[in-house]
Amino acid sequence: MASITVRQLDDKLKRLLRLRAARHSRSMEDEVRVILRQAAEQTGGEVLEHLDPPARPTRQTTRAIAAGTKRILLIIGGGIAAYKSLDLIRRLHDRGAQVRCILTAAAQHFITPLAAGALCGERAYTDLFDAQSEFDIGHIRLARDTDAIVVAPATADILAKMAGGHADDLATAVLLATDKPILIAPAMNPRMWAAKPTQRNLAQLIADGIRVVGPNRGEMAEPLEIAAAVAAITRPAGPLSGRRVLVTAGPTNEPIDPVRFIANRSSGKQGHAIAEAAAAAGADVVLVSGPVSLHDPPGVSVVKVETARQMLAAVERAMPVDIAVFAAAVADWRPERTSENKIKKQPGQTPSLALIENPDILSTIAHRKSDRPRLVIGFAAETEALVANAKAKLAKKGSDWILANDVSPQTGIMGGDTNTIHLITANGVESWPPQSKDEVARMLIERIVGALGDAKR
């Protein structure tokens, strides 16, 4: 057979080989051997695809991915946090994922397609009307040839376009055309994040089943946190796959004036543990959390609220769900009026504080006439007559199960890491042993799986 050397190749082909060899940490001669070996297994018409580094995904390159490798499409938005996305590519690679990138026009003001493409190992995509990839509807292929799509940073503009169903560039066209899981990592100015349109768009996306990670005080979640969330949504199907679960957690803060509020000692640990366990079982999970000092569980869409009324509104926006677990310690009352200014201390005078009842979130959802979750679960935090009070709550609230726990100060349960549960149902009382809140969460998910069975499959 005739011999061929690298020196005999034209300059363009040598440059392509040099890039491909560097990507795979091989010499150019070894890279040629690999290419020839692969080409020999294909029809003659596919040989050129191997001589040209993959400028576009093809069915052959998709088949070449090792079995079990997760394919992640990363959409990088135009914010200063875009620099973190380069580290995110590395973190995803470290977990064995194959990553492709789309850069929005705004993103290219912060990082270059060359940098993103070099880290991904193939070109970064930027243009909806790229003649090289759109001759065979490249944006549809990008939307399909992936296991999950990550938008990081997800700017206010991207959130608005996603919520409105826009498709005026490559990123939004892919997002609208996909049926794969989507994870967004919002990042923007704190005022933009707090703005009502942004929060309205976020609520719509969560209701549409979009997963959310972060933000941390307006900044994008850290790459390791995002990578963990990606791993959570791409893990193999579990017993709750295909089901949507709502969990509430933590306290609510009911403002008295701009600096004071009514609250309780709830840490949110139990609710967060339940949300994480449900996600690990394959569920699509929305966690509505009051103010807590906890990291968001991976693979869970988190809605952060302050007051009971905000929590109820967030819960109703998340409907419909299959399972609702109300672990939050919602304040029973709030001040009838909230002072716009700090209430000043006056010698010899004690201000009066009139209270009104907060909405009962558990009862509201349990008594819904339409879209009632198949399984509604509440918590009863008691300091006396634990089981009797829990049974009364089960009947009054209309829930299916009540998890009762003794939160007397000596138990250390409220704010602590362990819990002792009595599961109250129409069939009786099941007392669980003292255990960690993570173990309680896993045990609860096991009971939920057993109760639901395979009726939906």
Protein backbone atom coordinates (compact mmCIF):
# COMPACT_ATOMS: atom_id res chain seq x y z
CA MET A 1 0.00 0.00 0.00
CA ALA A 2 1.34 3.44 -0.87
CA SER A 3 2.77 5.42 2.07
CA ILE A 4 1.81 8.95 3.00
CA THR A 5 3.51 11.42 5.32
CA VAL A 6 2.12 14.49 7.07
CA ARG A 7 4.55 16.67 5.12
CA GLN A 8 2.78 15.74 1.88
CA LEU A 9 -0.60 17.09 3.06
CA ASP A 10 -1.79 20.57 2.11
CA ASP A 11 -1.49 23.37 4.67
CA LYS A 12 -5.20 23.53 5.50
CA LEU A 13 -5.40 19.80 6.21
CA LYS A 14 -2.25 19.96 8.32
CA ARG A 15 -3.75 22.75 10.42
CA LEU A 16 -6.91 20.72 10.95
CA LEU A 17 -4.91 17.67 11.92
CA ARG A 18 -2.75 19.68 14.31
CA LEU A 19 -5.85 21.00 16.11
CA ARG A 20 -7.50 17.58 16.27
CA ALA A 21 -4.32 15.87 17.48
CA ALA A 22 -3.82 18.49 20.21
CA ARG A 23 -7.41 18.02 21.33
CA HIS A 24 -6.85 14.28 21.79
CA SER A 25 -3.26 14.59 23.16
CA ARG A 26 -1.84 12.55 20.27
CA SER A 27 0.89 13.12 17.70
CA MET A 28 -0.24 14.07 14.21
CA GLU A 29 0.90 10.69 12.87
CA ASP A 30 -1.13 8.85 15.52
CA GLU A 31 -4.11 11.03 14.75
CA VAL A 32 -3.87 10.08 11.06
CA ARG A 33 -3.86 6.39 12.03
CA VAL A 34 -6.98 6.87 14.16
CA ILE A 35 -8.75 8.71 11.35
CA LEU A 36 -7.89 6.05 8.80
CA ARG A 37 -9.06 3.30 11.14
CA GLN A 38 -12.39 5.07 11.67
CA ALA A 39 -12.74 5.87 7.97
CA ALA A 40 -12.22 2.24 7.00
CA GLU A 41 -15.33 1.36 8.98
CA GLN A 42 -17.52 3.86 7.15
CA THR A 43 -18.72 4.20 3.59
CA GLY A 44 -16.57 6.31 1.34
CA GLY A 45 -18.97 9.24 1.51
CA GLU A 46 -18.40 9.65 5.24
CA VAL A 47 -14.62 9.78 5.15
CA LEU A 48 -14.46 13.55 4.75
CA GLU A 49 -16.44 13.98 7.96
CA HIS A 50 -13.52 12.44 9.85
CA LEU A 51 -10.87 14.52 8.04
CA ASP A 52 -12.75 17.68 8.97
CA PRO A 53 -13.02 18.26 12.73
CA PRO A 54 -16.73 18.27 13.64
CA ALA A 55 -17.87 21.74 12.63
CA ARG A 56 -21.40 20.47 13.11
CA PRO A 57 -22.87 17.50 14.95
CA THR A 58 -23.71 14.53 12.72
CA ARG A 59 -25.39 11.24 13.31
CA GLN A 60 -21.99 9.56 13.09
CA THR A 61 -20.38 11.80 15.72
CA THR A 62 -23.36 11.20 17.96
CA ARG A 63 -22.86 7.43 17.66
CA ALA A 64 -19.14 7.85 18.43
CA ILE A 65 -19.86 9.12 21.94
CA ALA A 66 -19.09 6.47 24.53
CA ALA A 67 -22.10 4.63 25.89
CA GLY A 68 -23.43 6.33 29.00
CA THR A 69 -21.79 9.69 28.25
CA LYS A 70 -24.16 12.57 28.96
CA ARG A 71 -24.46 15.14 26.18
CA ILE A 72 -24.90 18.65 27.53
CA LEU A 73 -25.72 21.69 25.44
CA LEU A 74 -24.53 24.83 27.24
CA ILE A 75 -26.11 28.13 26.24
CA ILE A 76 -24.02 31.06 27.45
CA GLY A 77 -25.87 34.34 27.93
CA GLY A 78 -24.51 37.85 27.82
CA GLY A 79 -23.60 38.74 31.39
CA ILE A 80 -20.40 39.27 33.31
CA ALA A 81 -20.93 35.85 34.89
CA ALA A 82 -20.25 34.32 31.46
CA TYR A 83 -16.63 33.84 32.52
CA LYS A 84 -17.84 31.19 35.00
CA SER A 85 -19.26 29.18 32.12
CA LEU A 86 -15.77 28.39 30.90
CA ASP A 87 -15.03 26.76 34.24
CA LEU A 88 -18.42 25.03 34.05
CA ILE A 89 -17.36 23.33 30.81
CA ARG A 90 -14.34 21.90 32.63
CA ARG A 91 -16.47 20.76 35.57
CA LEU A 92 -18.88 18.99 33.25
CA HIS A 93 -16.01 17.32 31.42
CA ASP A 94 -14.63 16.18 34.78
CA ARG A 95 -17.95 14.38 35.32
CA GLY A 96 -17.59 12.61 31.98
CA ALA A 97 -20.02 14.77 29.99
CA GLN A 98 -19.67 15.81 26.37
CA VAL A 99 -20.37 19.56 26.06
CA ARG A 100 -21.43 21.70 23.13
CA CYS A 101 -21.79 25.47 23.38
CA ILE A 102 -24.03 28.15 21.99
CA LEU A 103 -22.99 31.76 22.60
CA THR A 104 -25.58 34.52 22.28
CA ALA A 105 -24.54 37.71 20.53
CA ALA A 106 -24.28 39.45 23.91
CA ALA A 107 -22.18 36.63 25.36
CA GLN A 108 -19.53 37.24 22.71
CA HIS A 109 -18.83 40.63 24.30
CA PHE A 110 -17.61 38.80 27.42
CA ILE A 111 -15.99 35.60 26.13
CA THR A 112 -15.03 34.43 22.66
CA PRO A 113 -16.36 31.48 20.66
CA LEU A 114 -12.72 30.40 20.29
CA ALA A 115 -12.26 30.06 24.06
CA ALA A 116 -15.53 28.17 24.52
CA GLY A 117 -14.87 25.97 21.50
CA ALA A 118 -11.35 25.11 22.63
CA LEU A 119 -12.65 23.93 26.01
CA CYS A 120 -15.56 22.01 24.46
CA GLY A 121 -13.37 20.32 21.88
CA GLU A 122 -15.47 21.51 18.94
CA ARG A 123 -16.64 24.79 17.49
CA ALA A 124 -19.00 26.98 19.46
CA TYR A 125 -22.29 27.83 17.75
CA THR A 126 -23.39 31.44 17.42
CA ASP A 127 -25.64 32.02 14.41
CA LEU A 128 -29.14 30.76 13.67
CA PHE A 129 -28.52 31.33 9.96
CA ASP A 130 -25.09 29.70 9.76
CA ALA A 131 -24.96 28.21 6.27
CA GLN A 132 -22.60 25.47 7.42
CA SER A 133 -24.96 24.02 10.04
CA GLU A 134 -28.43 25.18 8.99
CA PHE A 135 -28.48 23.45 5.61
CA ASP A 136 -29.95 20.46 7.47
CA ILE A 137 -31.83 22.43 10.17
CA GLY A 138 -28.92 22.52 12.61
CA HIS A 139 -30.83 24.16 15.44
CA ILE A 140 -33.32 21.26 15.49
CA ARG A 141 -30.43 18.80 15.59
CA LEU A 142 -28.81 20.69 18.46
CA ALA A 143 -32.13 20.62 20.32
CA ARG A 144 -32.46 16.85 19.88
CA ASP A 145 -28.90 15.54 20.08
CA THR A 146 -28.47 16.28 23.77
CA ASP A 147 -29.51 14.90 27.14
CA ALA A 148 -30.01 18.28 28.81
CA ILE A 149 -29.68 21.98 28.05
CA VAL A 150 -28.07 24.36 30.52
CA VAL A 151 -28.46 28.14 30.26
CA ALA A 152 -25.68 29.80 32.25
CA PRO A 153 -25.73 32.65 32.80
CA ALA A 154 -29.45 33.03 32.22
CA THR A 155 -29.89 36.77 31.88
CA ALA A 156 -33.10 38.72 32.41
CA ASP A 157 -33.40 38.99 28.63
CA ILE A 158 -33.10 35.23 28.09
CA LEU A 159 -35.63 34.52 30.85
CA ALA A 160 -38.08 36.94 29.25
CA LYS A 161 -37.63 35.39 25.80
CA MET A 162 -38.02 31.85 27.15
CA ALA A 163 -41.16 32.77 29.09
CA GLY A 164 -42.62 34.43 26.00
CA GLY A 165 -41.73 31.63 23.60
CA HIS A 166 -39.45 33.76 21.43
CA ALA A 167 -37.14 32.17 18.86
CA ASP A 168 -35.27 35.03 17.22
CA ASP A 169 -31.73 33.68 17.62
CA LEU A 170 -30.01 30.30 17.77
CA ALA A 171 -30.23 29.97 21.56
CA THR A 172 -33.95 30.70 21.84
CA ALA A 173 -34.79 28.64 18.74
CA VAL A 174 -33.06 25.62 20.28
CA LEU A 175 -34.78 26.17 23.63
CA LEU A 176 -38.18 26.33 21.96
CA ALA A 177 -37.52 23.28 19.78
CA THR A 178 -36.27 20.92 22.50
CA ASP A 179 -38.12 18.37 24.59
CA LYS A 180 -35.07 17.73 26.80
CA PRO A 181 -34.66 18.87 30.43
CA ILE A 182 -33.63 22.52 30.72
CA LEU A 183 -31.67 23.95 33.65
CA ILE A 184 -31.22 27.70 34.04
CA ALA A 185 -28.67 29.47 36.24
CA PRO A 186 -29.94 33.06 36.52
CA ALA A 187 -27.42 35.88 36.96
CA MET A 188 -28.07 39.60 36.79
CA ASN A 189 -28.08 42.85 38.73
CA PRO A 190 -29.96 42.40 42.06
CA ARG A 191 -32.51 45.03 41.10
CA MET A 192 -33.18 43.30 37.79
CA TRP A 193 -33.52 39.99 39.62
CA ALA A 194 -36.00 41.44 42.12
CA ALA A 195 -38.05 43.22 39.43
CA LYS A 196 -41.64 42.02 39.11
CA PRO A 197 -41.36 41.14 35.39
CA THR A 198 -38.31 38.96 36.07
CA GLN A 199 -39.99 37.17 38.96
CA ARG A 200 -43.12 36.73 36.85
CA ASN A 201 -41.07 35.23 34.02
CA LEU A 202 -39.25 32.95 36.46
CA ALA A 203 -42.55 31.71 37.91
CA GLN A 204 -43.82 30.95 34.41
CA LEU A 205 -40.66 28.99 33.54
CA ILE A 206 -40.87 26.96 36.74
CA ALA A 207 -44.54 26.22 36.00
CA ASP A 208 -43.39 25.06 32.54
CA GLY A 209 -41.05 22.55 34.18
CA ILE A 210 -37.76 24.45 33.77
CA ARG A 211 -35.26 23.64 36.52
CA VAL A 212 -33.46 26.48 38.31
CA VAL A 213 -30.16 26.60 40.18
CA GLY A 214 -29.20 29.75 42.11
CA PRO A 215 -28.77 32.63 42.01
CA ASN A 216 -26.72 33.42 45.07
CA ARG A 217 -27.57 37.05 45.88
CA GLY A 218 -28.01 37.85 42.20
CA GLU A 219 -24.78 36.19 41.11
CA MET A 220 -24.76 33.00 39.08
CA ALA A 221 -24.46 29.77 41.05
CA GLU A 222 -20.94 28.38 41.21
CA PRO A 223 -19.85 25.94 38.46
CA LEU A 224 -19.60 23.01 40.88
CA GLU A 225 -23.16 23.68 42.07
CA ILE A 226 -24.42 23.84 38.49
CA ALA A 227 -22.54 20.67 37.52
CA ALA A 228 -24.15 18.86 40.47
CA ALA A 229 -27.58 20.08 39.35
CA VAL A 230 -26.87 18.84 35.81
CA ALA A 231 -25.91 15.45 37.18
CA ALA A 232 -29.15 15.34 39.15
CA ILE A 233 -31.41 16.01 36.16
CA THR A 234 -29.56 13.56 33.88
CA ARG A 235 -29.34 10.65 36.28
CA PRO A 236 -31.10 7.41 35.26
CA ALA A 237 -34.86 7.22 35.69
CA GLY A 238 -36.04 6.58 39.23
CA PRO A 239 -39.29 5.46 40.84
CA LEU A 240 -40.70 9.01 40.72
CA SER A 241 -39.65 9.76 37.14
CA GLY A 242 -42.42 11.50 35.28
CA ARG A 243 -43.98 12.86 38.46
CA ARG A 244 -43.98 16.46 39.65
CA VAL A 245 -43.41 17.11 43.35
CA LEU A 246 -43.90 20.31 45.33
CA VAL A 247 -42.17 20.81 48.69
CA THR A 248 -42.34 23.78 51.05
CA ALA A 249 -39.61 24.40 53.60
CA GLY A 250 -38.34 26.77 56.26
CA PRO A 251 -40.02 29.55 58.22
CA THR A 252 -41.89 32.58 56.96
CA ASN A 253 -41.03 36.10 58.10
CA GLU A 254 -43.99 38.39 58.70
CA PRO A 255 -42.81 42.02 58.78
CA ILE A 256 -43.73 44.35 61.64
CA ASP A 257 -41.72 47.25 60.27
CA PRO A 258 -38.72 47.52 57.91
CA VAL A 259 -36.36 45.91 60.48
CA ARG A 260 -38.54 43.62 62.63
CA PHE A 261 -40.61 40.56 61.85
CA ILE A 262 -42.46 37.60 63.36
CA ALA A 263 -40.72 34.28 62.67
CA ASN A 264 -39.91 30.87 64.16
CA ARG A 265 -36.91 28.62 64.66
CA SER A 266 -37.35 26.44 61.58
CA SER A 267 -34.09 25.82 59.70
CA GLY A 268 -35.65 24.38 56.54
CA LYS A 269 -33.40 21.32 56.73
CA GLN A 270 -36.20 18.76 56.65
CA GLY A 271 -37.97 20.31 53.68
CA HIS A 272 -34.73 20.69 51.73
CA ALA A 273 -33.83 17.06 52.47
CA ILE A 274 -37.23 15.91 51.18
CA ALA A 275 -36.84 17.93 47.99
CA GLU A 276 -33.39 16.46 47.38
CA ALA A 277 -34.60 12.90 48.04
CA ALA A 278 -37.53 13.37 45.65
CA ALA A 279 -35.17 14.64 42.94
CA ALA A 280 -32.86 11.67 43.54
CA ALA A 281 -35.89 9.43 42.93
CA GLY A 282 -36.32 11.04 39.51
CA ALA A 283 -39.10 13.53 40.27
CA ASP A 284 -39.39 17.01 38.79
CA VAL A 285 -39.23 18.99 42.04
CA VAL A 286 -40.23 22.55 42.92
CA LEU A 287 -39.07 23.71 46.36
CA VAL A 288 -40.75 26.81 47.77
CA SER A 289 -38.49 27.92 50.58
CA GLY A 290 -38.76 30.60 53.21
CA PRO A 291 -35.62 32.43 54.37
CA VAL A 292 -33.01 29.80 55.27
CA SER A 293 -29.22 29.51 55.34
CA LEU A 294 -28.97 26.41 53.17
CA HIS A 295 -27.63 25.63 49.72
CA ASP A 296 -30.25 24.82 47.09
CA PRO A 297 -30.64 21.04 46.58
CA PRO A 298 -29.15 19.91 43.24
CA GLY A 299 -31.56 19.32 40.41
CA VAL A 300 -34.40 21.15 42.15
CA SER A 301 -36.18 24.34 41.05
CA VAL A 302 -36.15 26.65 44.06
CA VAL A 303 -38.54 29.56 44.62
CA LYS A 304 -37.47 31.79 47.52
CA VAL A 305 -40.13 33.67 49.48
CA GLU A 306 -40.40 35.61 52.73
CA THR A 307 -44.03 35.69 53.86
CA ALA A 308 -46.89 33.20 54.13
CA ARG A 309 -48.86 34.98 51.43
CA GLN A 310 -45.88 34.88 49.08
CA MET A 311 -45.47 31.18 49.82
CA LEU A 312 -49.12 30.46 49.02
CA ALA A 313 -48.86 32.40 45.75
CA ALA A 314 -45.73 30.46 44.76
CA VAL A 315 -47.38 27.15 45.64
CA GLU A 316 -50.44 27.94 43.54
CA ARG A 317 -48.24 28.98 40.59
CA ALA A 318 -46.48 25.60 40.78
CA MET A 319 -49.73 23.66 40.35
CA PRO A 320 -50.57 21.12 39.07
CA VAL A 321 -48.34 18.61 40.84
CA ASP A 322 -48.68 14.91 41.66
CA ILE A 323 -47.39 15.15 45.22
CA ALA A 324 -47.29 18.11 47.63
CA VAL A 325 -45.29 17.97 50.85
CA PHE A 326 -45.83 20.94 53.17
CA ALA A 327 -42.85 20.89 55.53
CA ALA A 328 -42.61 24.67 56.00
CA ALA A 329 -43.30 26.12 59.44
CA VAL A 330 -45.60 28.86 58.20
CA ALA A 331 -46.33 31.66 60.67
CA ASP A 332 -49.95 31.36 61.83
CA TRP A 333 -50.36 35.12 62.21
CA ARG A 334 -49.03 38.36 60.77
CA PRO A 335 -49.35 41.97 61.90
CA GLU A 336 -52.59 43.55 60.79
CA ARG A 337 -50.61 46.58 59.65
CA THR A 338 -46.94 46.86 58.75
CA SER A 339 -45.28 50.15 59.64
CA GLU A 340 -43.51 51.83 56.73
CA ASN A 341 -40.90 53.22 59.13
CA LYS A 342 -39.08 51.67 62.05
CA ILE A 343 -41.24 51.82 65.18
CA LYS A 344 -39.36 54.00 67.64
CA LYS A 345 -39.05 53.10 71.30
CA GLN A 346 -40.88 55.59 73.52
CA PRO A 347 -40.15 55.78 77.28
CA GLY A 348 -42.98 54.24 79.26
CA GLN A 349 -44.94 53.26 76.13
CA THR A 350 -45.35 49.79 74.67
CA PRO A 351 -46.70 49.65 71.12
CA SER A 352 -49.71 47.43 70.54
CA LEU A 353 -49.48 44.79 67.83
CA ALA A 354 -52.74 43.58 66.33
CA LEU A 355 -52.46 40.20 64.59
CA ILE A 356 -54.52 38.60 61.83
CA GLU A 357 -54.49 35.00 60.64
CA ASN A 358 -52.32 33.97 57.71
CA PRO A 359 -53.71 31.78 54.92
CA ASP A 360 -53.60 28.04 55.66
CA ILE A 361 -51.55 26.73 52.74
CA LEU A 362 -51.96 23.02 53.53
CA SER A 363 -55.74 23.29 53.88
CA THR A 364 -56.06 25.49 50.79
CA ILE A 365 -54.34 22.94 48.55
CA ALA A 366 -55.92 19.88 50.19
CA HIS A 367 -59.41 21.29 49.59
CA ARG A 368 -58.89 22.27 45.95
CA LYS A 369 -61.79 21.32 43.70
CA SER A 370 -59.55 20.95 40.65
CA ASP A 371 -55.89 20.03 40.17
CA ARG A 372 -55.63 18.71 43.72
CA PRO A 373 -52.38 16.75 44.12
CA ARG A 374 -52.92 13.02 44.30
CA LEU A 375 -51.05 12.95 47.61
CA VAL A 376 -51.09 15.92 50.01
CA ILE A 377 -48.75 15.61 53.00
CA GLY A 378 -48.48 18.01 55.92
CA PHE A 379 -46.36 18.32 59.05
CA ALA A 380 -47.58 18.78 62.61
CA ALA A 381 -44.97 20.41 64.85
CA GLU A 382 -46.30 19.92 68.38
CA THR A 383 -45.10 20.30 71.97
CA GLU A 384 -47.87 18.25 73.65
CA ALA A 385 -50.46 15.56 72.84
CA LEU A 386 -48.47 14.86 69.68
CA VAL A 387 -50.46 12.05 68.07
CA ALA A 388 -53.88 13.33 69.16
CA ASN A 389 -53.19 16.81 67.78
CA ALA A 390 -51.81 15.35 64.56
CA LYS A 391 -54.92 13.20 64.04
CA ALA A 392 -57.12 16.24 64.56
CA LYS A 393 -55.02 18.17 62.03
CA LEU A 394 -55.33 15.36 59.49
CA ALA A 395 -59.11 15.55 59.68
CA LYS A 396 -59.34 19.34 59.77
CA LYS A 397 -56.88 20.14 56.98
CA GLY A 398 -58.10 17.51 54.53
CA SER A 399 -54.59 16.19 53.88
CA ASP A 400 -53.81 12.55 53.14
CA TRP A 401 -50.90 12.15 55.54
CA ILE A 402 -49.51 14.09 58.49
CA LEU A 403 -45.94 13.74 59.70
CA ALA A 404 -45.98 14.60 63.40
CA ASN A 405 -42.90 15.55 65.36
CA ASP A 406 -42.27 16.82 68.86
CA VAL A 407 -40.51 20.19 68.62
CA SER A 408 -40.20 20.82 72.34
CA PRO A 409 -36.89 22.60 73.06
CA GLN A 410 -35.37 19.53 74.74
CA THR A 411 -35.77 17.44 71.54
CA GLY A 412 -33.51 19.72 69.47
CA ILE A 413 -35.58 18.87 66.38
CA MET A 414 -36.44 22.42 65.29
CA GLY A 415 -33.22 23.73 63.78
CA GLY A 416 -31.36 20.45 64.44
CA ASP A 417 -30.16 17.63 62.19
CA THR A 418 -32.29 14.76 63.50
CA ASN A 419 -36.01 14.07 63.66
CA THR A 420 -38.46 11.57 65.14
CA ILE A 421 -41.56 11.11 63.00
CA HIS A 422 -45.00 9.61 63.55
CA LEU A 423 -46.73 9.07 60.20
CA ILE A 424 -50.47 9.64 60.63
CA THR A 425 -52.80 8.31 57.92
CA ALA A 426 -56.40 7.16 57.70
CA ASN A 427 -55.09 3.66 58.36
CA GLY A 428 -53.40 4.49 61.65
CA VAL A 429 -50.09 5.61 63.13
CA GLU A 430 -46.63 4.46 62.07
CA SER A 431 -43.85 5.52 64.43
CA TRP A 432 -40.41 5.89 62.88
CA PRO A 433 -37.15 5.61 64.84
CA PRO A 434 -35.05 8.69 65.62
CA GLN A 435 -32.87 9.35 62.61
CA SER A 436 -31.25 12.09 60.57
CA LYS A 437 -33.45 14.41 58.54
CA ASP A 438 -31.87 13.01 55.36
CA GLU A 439 -32.93 9.50 56.44
CA VAL A 440 -36.43 10.76 57.27
CA ALA A 441 -36.62 12.23 53.76
CA ARG A 442 -35.56 8.98 52.09
CA MET A 443 -38.02 7.00 54.22
CA LEU A 444 -40.84 9.38 53.27
CA ILE A 445 -40.03 9.04 49.57
CA GLU A 446 -40.09 5.24 49.93
CA ARG A 447 -43.57 5.48 51.47
CA ILE A 448 -44.73 7.82 48.70
CA VAL A 449 -43.47 5.46 46.00
CA GLY A 450 -45.22 2.56 47.70
CA ALA A 451 -48.47 4.50 48.01
CA LEU A 452 -48.54 5.67 44.39
CA GLY A 453 -47.51 2.34 42.93
CA ASP A 454 -47.45 2.01 39.17
CA ALA A 455 -50.87 3.49 38.47
CA LYS A 456 -49.46 6.27 36.30
CA ARG A 457 -47.13 4.13 34.26
